Structure formats: structure tokens, C-alpha cells
């Protein structure tokens, strides 16, 4: 992991003698939903992971697809 420069720490009002990696680099942050470039890749992922009841949702300005599981 690269060292954070003191000027950058002062700008963010952080202590200068600690690393603050968890706060600055998002450790422990919730990951976003998995997206796919094509419908075929989303369908193959669902088949491999035995997801049967799902629907594809267009995300990222209609350039990617996300699997949304339906609870019925």
C-alpha cells in the first residue's frame, strides 16, 4: 500500500503520524451489486450459481445488466 503524503493528510484534517488506510481506501465498505456487460453472461452466471427465479435489470445508463432475484 502506498504511503499517504503529509500534505494530503493535512488537507483532509487527519493526524500526520498514522496511516488512516481504512478511512481513505474504503476497507469494510459494502460492495456494490454484480453487473454484467451482456445478457448472455448474466444468464450463464445465474445458471452456474443455480439462480432460477430472477429478472435482469438495466443499470449503468443501460450499458450493463444486474440480476435481481424475485421472491415469490
Protein backbone atom coordinates (compact mmCIF):
# COMPACT_ATOMS: atom_id res chain seq x y z
CA UNK A 1 0.00 0.00 0.00
CA UNK A 2 1.39 3.38 -0.95
CA UNK A 3 2.14 5.90 1.81
CA UNK A 4 -0.15 8.92 2.06
CA UNK A 5 1.78 12.19 1.91
CA UNK A 6 1.62 14.56 4.86
CA UNK A 7 0.20 17.42 2.78
CA UNK A 8 -2.71 15.22 1.73
CA UNK A 9 -3.34 14.28 5.36
CA UNK A 10 -3.31 17.93 6.44
CA UNK A 11 -5.75 18.77 3.66
CA UNK A 12 -8.16 16.10 4.95
CA UNK A 13 -7.55 17.16 8.61
CA UNK A 14 -6.11 13.78 9.60
CA UNK A 15 -3.32 13.03 12.06
CA UNK A 16 0.09 13.04 10.39
CA UNK A 17 1.63 10.06 12.24
CA UNK A 18 -0.99 7.43 11.42
CA UNK A 19 -1.88 5.75 8.13
CA UNK A 20 -5.73 6.13 8.05
CA UNK A 21 -5.95 3.42 5.38
CA UNK A 22 -9.35 2.15 6.49
CA UNK A 23 -10.93 5.59 6.25
CA UNK A 24 -9.33 6.65 2.98
CA UNK A 25 -9.44 3.44 0.98
CA UNK A 26 -12.86 2.12 2.00
CA UNK A 27 -11.93 -1.01 3.94
CA UNK A 28 -15.08 -2.57 5.30
CA UNK A 29 -17.24 -0.72 2.81
CA UNK A 30 -20.20 -2.61 1.38
CA UNK A 31 -19.58 -3.81 -2.16
CA UNK A 32 -21.98 -2.94 -4.92
CA UNK A 33 -24.13 -5.35 -6.87
CA UNK A 34 -22.53 -7.56 -9.50
CA UNK A 35 -23.11 -6.31 -13.04
CA UNK A 36 -22.59 -7.93 -16.44
CA UNK A 37 -21.80 -6.50 -19.86
CA UNK A 38 -24.16 -8.77 -21.78
CA UNK A 39 -27.41 -10.59 -21.11
CA UNK A 40 -25.80 -13.90 -22.07
CA UNK A 41 -23.08 -13.55 -19.44
CA UNK A 42 -25.68 -12.71 -16.79
CA UNK A 43 -27.75 -15.75 -17.75
CA UNK A 44 -24.73 -18.08 -17.64
CA UNK A 45 -23.75 -16.71 -14.21
CA UNK A 46 -27.28 -17.34 -12.94
CA UNK A 47 -27.24 -20.87 -14.32
CA UNK A 48 -23.82 -21.65 -12.76
CA UNK A 49 -24.93 -20.33 -9.36
CA UNK A 50 -28.35 -22.04 -9.54
CA UNK A 51 -30.39 -18.84 -9.51
CA UNK A 52 -33.70 -19.79 -11.09
CA UNK A 53 -36.22 -17.08 -10.26
CA UNK A 54 -34.65 -13.80 -11.43
CA UNK A 55 -35.07 -10.83 -13.69
CA UNK A 56 -32.43 -8.74 -15.48
CA UNK A 57 -32.34 -5.04 -14.69
CA UNK A 58 -30.59 -2.47 -16.89
CA UNK A 59 -28.10 -0.37 -14.93
CA UNK A 60 -25.17 1.96 -15.60
CA UNK A 61 -27.05 4.04 -18.18
CA UNK A 62 -28.41 0.91 -19.87
CA UNK A 63 -24.91 -0.40 -20.63
CA UNK A 64 -24.84 -3.23 -18.08
CA UNK A 65 -27.20 -5.78 -16.57
CA UNK A 66 -27.83 -6.78 -12.97
CA UNK A 67 -29.52 -9.92 -11.69
CA UNK A 68 -32.47 -9.22 -9.40
CA UNK A 69 -33.84 -12.25 -7.57
CA UNK A 70 -37.63 -12.44 -7.35
CA UNK A 71 -39.17 -13.69 -4.11
CA UNK A 72 -42.46 -15.42 -4.79
